N, C-alpha and C. Protein backbone atom coordinates (compact mmCIF):
# COMPACT_ATOMS: atom_id res chain seq x y z
N UNK A 1 171.01 144.80 184.77
CA UNK A 1 172.07 144.00 184.21
C UNK A 1 172.26 144.39 182.75
N UNK A 2 173.47 144.20 182.25
CA UNK A 2 173.76 144.36 180.83
C UNK A 2 173.72 142.98 180.17
N UNK A 3 173.59 142.97 178.86
CA UNK A 3 173.63 141.70 178.16
C UNK A 3 174.18 141.88 176.76
N UNK A 4 174.70 140.79 176.24
CA UNK A 4 175.08 140.67 174.83
C UNK A 4 174.50 139.36 174.32
N UNK A 5 174.05 139.36 173.09
CA UNK A 5 173.66 138.14 172.40
C UNK A 5 174.70 137.97 171.29
N UNK A 6 175.41 136.84 171.32
CA UNK A 6 176.45 136.58 170.32
C UNK A 6 176.14 135.28 169.59
N UNK A 7 176.73 135.14 168.43
CA UNK A 7 176.58 133.90 167.67
C UNK A 7 177.66 132.94 168.13
N UNK A 8 177.24 131.76 168.61
CA UNK A 8 178.23 130.78 169.09
C UNK A 8 178.83 130.01 167.91
N UNK A 9 179.69 129.07 168.21
CA UNK A 9 180.41 128.34 167.16
C UNK A 9 179.51 127.51 166.26
N UNK A 10 178.30 127.19 166.74
CA UNK A 10 177.37 126.43 165.91
C UNK A 10 176.38 127.33 165.18
N UNK A 11 176.54 128.64 165.32
CA UNK A 11 175.65 129.58 164.64
C UNK A 11 174.40 129.94 165.41
N UNK A 12 174.30 129.50 166.65
CA UNK A 12 173.12 129.78 167.48
C UNK A 12 173.35 131.02 168.33
N UNK A 13 172.28 131.69 168.68
CA UNK A 13 172.34 132.88 169.53
C UNK A 13 172.59 132.46 170.97
N UNK A 14 173.61 133.04 171.58
CA UNK A 14 173.97 132.73 172.96
C UNK A 14 173.98 134.01 173.79
N UNK A 15 173.18 134.06 174.86
CA UNK A 15 173.14 135.28 175.68
C UNK A 15 174.21 135.27 176.78
N UNK A 16 174.74 136.44 177.05
CA UNK A 16 175.65 136.66 178.17
C UNK A 16 175.12 137.83 178.97
N UNK A 17 174.90 137.59 180.25
CA UNK A 17 174.34 138.59 181.15
C UNK A 17 175.43 138.95 182.16
N UNK A 18 175.60 140.25 182.40
CA UNK A 18 176.69 140.69 183.28
C UNK A 18 176.30 142.00 183.98
N UNK A 19 176.99 142.34 185.06
CA UNK A 19 176.63 143.54 185.84
C UNK A 19 176.78 144.83 185.02
N UNK A 20 175.99 145.82 185.38
CA UNK A 20 176.03 147.11 184.67
C UNK A 20 177.37 147.80 184.79
N UNK A 21 178.12 147.52 185.84
CA UNK A 21 179.42 148.18 186.00
C UNK A 21 180.46 147.66 184.99
N UNK A 22 180.15 146.56 184.31
CA UNK A 22 181.04 146.02 183.27
C UNK A 22 180.56 146.57 181.93
N UNK A 23 181.48 147.18 181.20
CA UNK A 23 181.16 147.77 179.90
C UNK A 23 180.94 146.68 178.85
N UNK A 24 180.04 146.92 177.93
CA UNK A 24 179.77 145.96 176.85
C UNK A 24 181.03 145.64 176.06
N UNK A 25 181.82 146.66 175.75
CA UNK A 25 183.05 146.45 174.98
C UNK A 25 184.05 145.58 175.73
N UNK A 26 184.17 145.81 177.04
CA UNK A 26 185.08 144.99 177.85
C UNK A 26 184.63 143.54 177.88
N UNK A 27 183.33 143.32 178.01
CA UNK A 27 182.81 141.96 178.03
C UNK A 27 183.04 141.29 176.68
N UNK A 28 182.82 142.03 175.60
CA UNK A 28 183.01 141.46 174.26
C UNK A 28 184.43 140.93 174.08
N UNK A 29 185.40 141.65 174.61
CA UNK A 29 186.79 141.21 174.48
C UNK A 29 187.06 139.88 175.18
N UNK A 30 186.24 139.53 176.16
CA UNK A 30 186.43 138.30 176.93
C UNK A 30 185.74 137.09 176.30
N UNK A 31 184.86 137.32 175.34
CA UNK A 31 184.07 136.24 174.76
C UNK A 31 184.77 135.62 173.56
N UNK A 32 184.82 134.30 173.49
CA UNK A 32 185.52 133.64 172.39
C UNK A 32 184.69 133.55 171.11
N UNK A 33 183.43 133.94 171.17
CA UNK A 33 182.55 133.74 170.04
C UNK A 33 182.69 134.82 168.98
N UNK A 34 182.01 134.59 167.85
CA UNK A 34 182.08 135.47 166.69
C UNK A 34 181.24 136.72 166.83
N UNK A 35 180.32 136.88 165.94
CA UNK A 35 179.56 138.09 165.76
C UNK A 35 178.66 138.43 166.95
N UNK A 36 178.63 139.71 167.31
CA UNK A 36 177.68 140.20 168.31
C UNK A 36 176.39 140.54 167.56
N UNK A 37 175.29 139.93 167.97
CA UNK A 37 174.01 140.13 167.29
C UNK A 37 173.24 141.31 167.87
N UNK A 38 173.31 141.49 169.19
CA UNK A 38 172.59 142.57 169.85
C UNK A 38 173.12 142.73 171.26
N UNK A 39 172.64 143.77 171.93
CA UNK A 39 173.05 143.99 173.32
C UNK A 39 172.33 145.19 173.88
N UNK A 40 172.39 145.32 175.19
CA UNK A 40 171.73 146.43 175.85
C UNK A 40 171.62 146.18 177.33
N UNK A 41 170.49 146.63 177.87
CA UNK A 41 170.20 146.53 179.30
C UNK A 41 169.04 145.55 179.47
N UNK A 42 169.17 144.69 180.48
CA UNK A 42 168.16 143.68 180.77
C UNK A 42 167.56 143.93 182.14
N UNK A 43 166.24 143.93 182.21
CA UNK A 43 165.53 144.05 183.48
C UNK A 43 164.47 142.96 183.56
N UNK A 44 164.17 142.53 184.76
CA UNK A 44 163.11 141.54 184.97
C UNK A 44 161.96 142.23 185.69
N UNK A 45 160.81 142.21 185.07
CA UNK A 45 159.62 142.83 185.65
C UNK A 45 158.52 141.81 185.79
N UNK A 46 157.34 142.26 186.21
CA UNK A 46 156.21 141.36 186.40
C UNK A 46 155.78 140.63 185.13
N UNK A 47 156.07 141.22 183.98
CA UNK A 47 155.67 140.62 182.71
C UNK A 47 156.80 139.81 182.07
N UNK A 48 157.94 139.71 182.73
CA UNK A 48 159.07 138.97 182.18
C UNK A 48 160.25 139.86 181.92
N UNK A 49 161.14 139.42 181.03
CA UNK A 49 162.34 140.17 180.72
C UNK A 49 162.04 141.34 179.81
N UNK A 50 162.74 142.44 180.05
CA UNK A 50 162.62 143.63 179.21
C UNK A 50 164.02 144.02 178.75
N UNK A 51 164.22 144.08 177.45
CA UNK A 51 165.51 144.42 176.87
C UNK A 51 165.40 145.78 176.19
N UNK A 52 166.40 146.64 176.42
CA UNK A 52 166.37 147.98 175.84
C UNK A 52 167.80 148.49 175.66
N UNK A 53 167.91 149.63 175.00
CA UNK A 53 169.21 150.28 174.84
C UNK A 53 170.04 149.67 173.75
N UNK A 54 171.35 149.75 173.94
CA UNK A 54 172.30 149.26 172.97
C UNK A 54 173.70 149.67 173.38
N UNK A 55 174.62 149.59 172.45
CA UNK A 55 175.99 150.00 172.71
C UNK A 55 176.58 150.56 171.42
N UNK A 56 176.89 151.85 171.44
CA UNK A 56 177.39 152.51 170.23
C UNK A 56 178.80 152.04 169.87
N UNK A 57 179.62 151.71 170.88
CA UNK A 57 180.98 151.24 170.62
C UNK A 57 180.98 149.97 169.77
N UNK A 58 180.05 149.06 170.07
CA UNK A 58 179.93 147.81 169.32
C UNK A 58 178.99 147.92 168.13
N UNK A 59 178.25 149.03 168.06
CA UNK A 59 177.30 149.21 166.97
C UNK A 59 176.11 148.28 167.03
N UNK A 60 175.65 147.97 168.26
CA UNK A 60 174.51 147.06 168.41
C UNK A 60 173.38 147.74 169.18
N UNK A 61 172.18 147.27 168.94
CA UNK A 61 170.99 147.73 169.65
C UNK A 61 170.26 146.52 170.19
N UNK A 62 169.44 146.77 171.20
CA UNK A 62 168.57 145.72 171.73
C UNK A 62 167.49 145.40 170.71
N UNK A 63 167.13 144.13 170.66
CA UNK A 63 165.97 143.68 169.88
C UNK A 63 164.98 143.20 170.94
N UNK A 64 164.14 144.09 171.44
CA UNK A 64 163.38 143.81 172.67
C UNK A 64 162.70 142.45 172.74
N UNK A 65 161.88 142.12 171.80
CA UNK A 65 161.14 140.86 171.89
C UNK A 65 162.02 139.65 171.63
N UNK A 66 162.83 139.72 170.58
CA UNK A 66 163.68 138.59 170.21
C UNK A 66 164.71 138.29 171.29
N UNK A 67 165.37 139.33 171.82
CA UNK A 67 166.38 139.13 172.86
C UNK A 67 165.76 138.57 174.14
N UNK A 68 164.61 139.10 174.53
CA UNK A 68 163.93 138.61 175.73
C UNK A 68 163.59 137.13 175.59
N UNK A 69 163.15 136.71 174.41
CA UNK A 69 162.81 135.31 174.18
C UNK A 69 164.06 134.42 174.24
N UNK A 70 165.17 134.87 173.67
CA UNK A 70 166.42 134.10 173.71
C UNK A 70 166.89 133.94 175.15
N UNK A 71 166.85 135.00 175.93
CA UNK A 71 167.30 134.95 177.32
C UNK A 71 166.38 134.06 178.14
N UNK A 72 165.07 134.20 177.97
CA UNK A 72 164.12 133.37 178.71
C UNK A 72 164.32 131.89 178.40
N UNK A 73 164.55 131.56 177.15
CA UNK A 73 164.76 130.17 176.76
C UNK A 73 166.06 129.63 177.38
N UNK A 74 167.10 130.45 177.39
CA UNK A 74 168.38 130.01 177.98
C UNK A 74 168.26 129.75 179.49
N UNK A 75 167.38 130.48 180.14
CA UNK A 75 167.22 130.35 181.60
C UNK A 75 166.10 129.42 182.02
N UNK A 76 165.40 128.87 181.03
CA UNK A 76 164.28 127.96 181.31
C UNK A 76 164.78 126.70 182.01
N UNK A 77 164.04 126.24 183.00
CA UNK A 77 164.38 125.01 183.72
C UNK A 77 164.13 123.83 182.79
N UNK A 78 165.10 122.96 182.70
CA UNK A 78 164.97 121.79 181.80
C UNK A 78 164.89 120.52 182.58
């Protein structure tokens, strides 16, 4: 899966996860939020989420540990 972490209207990091066939730039155009903080490829392995890569068009890179923590927190059962 691909992902973007963007800053929402309250200034918090919000993750968006989408299929690899969707380009990061195309997804960015659909999001109403402000700044893109990071992005890349997301995989789920035995040790949890793994974030890597980036997108040169948007000028962002994955922040492996920070992005994985943001995504895990967003998907945590409440």
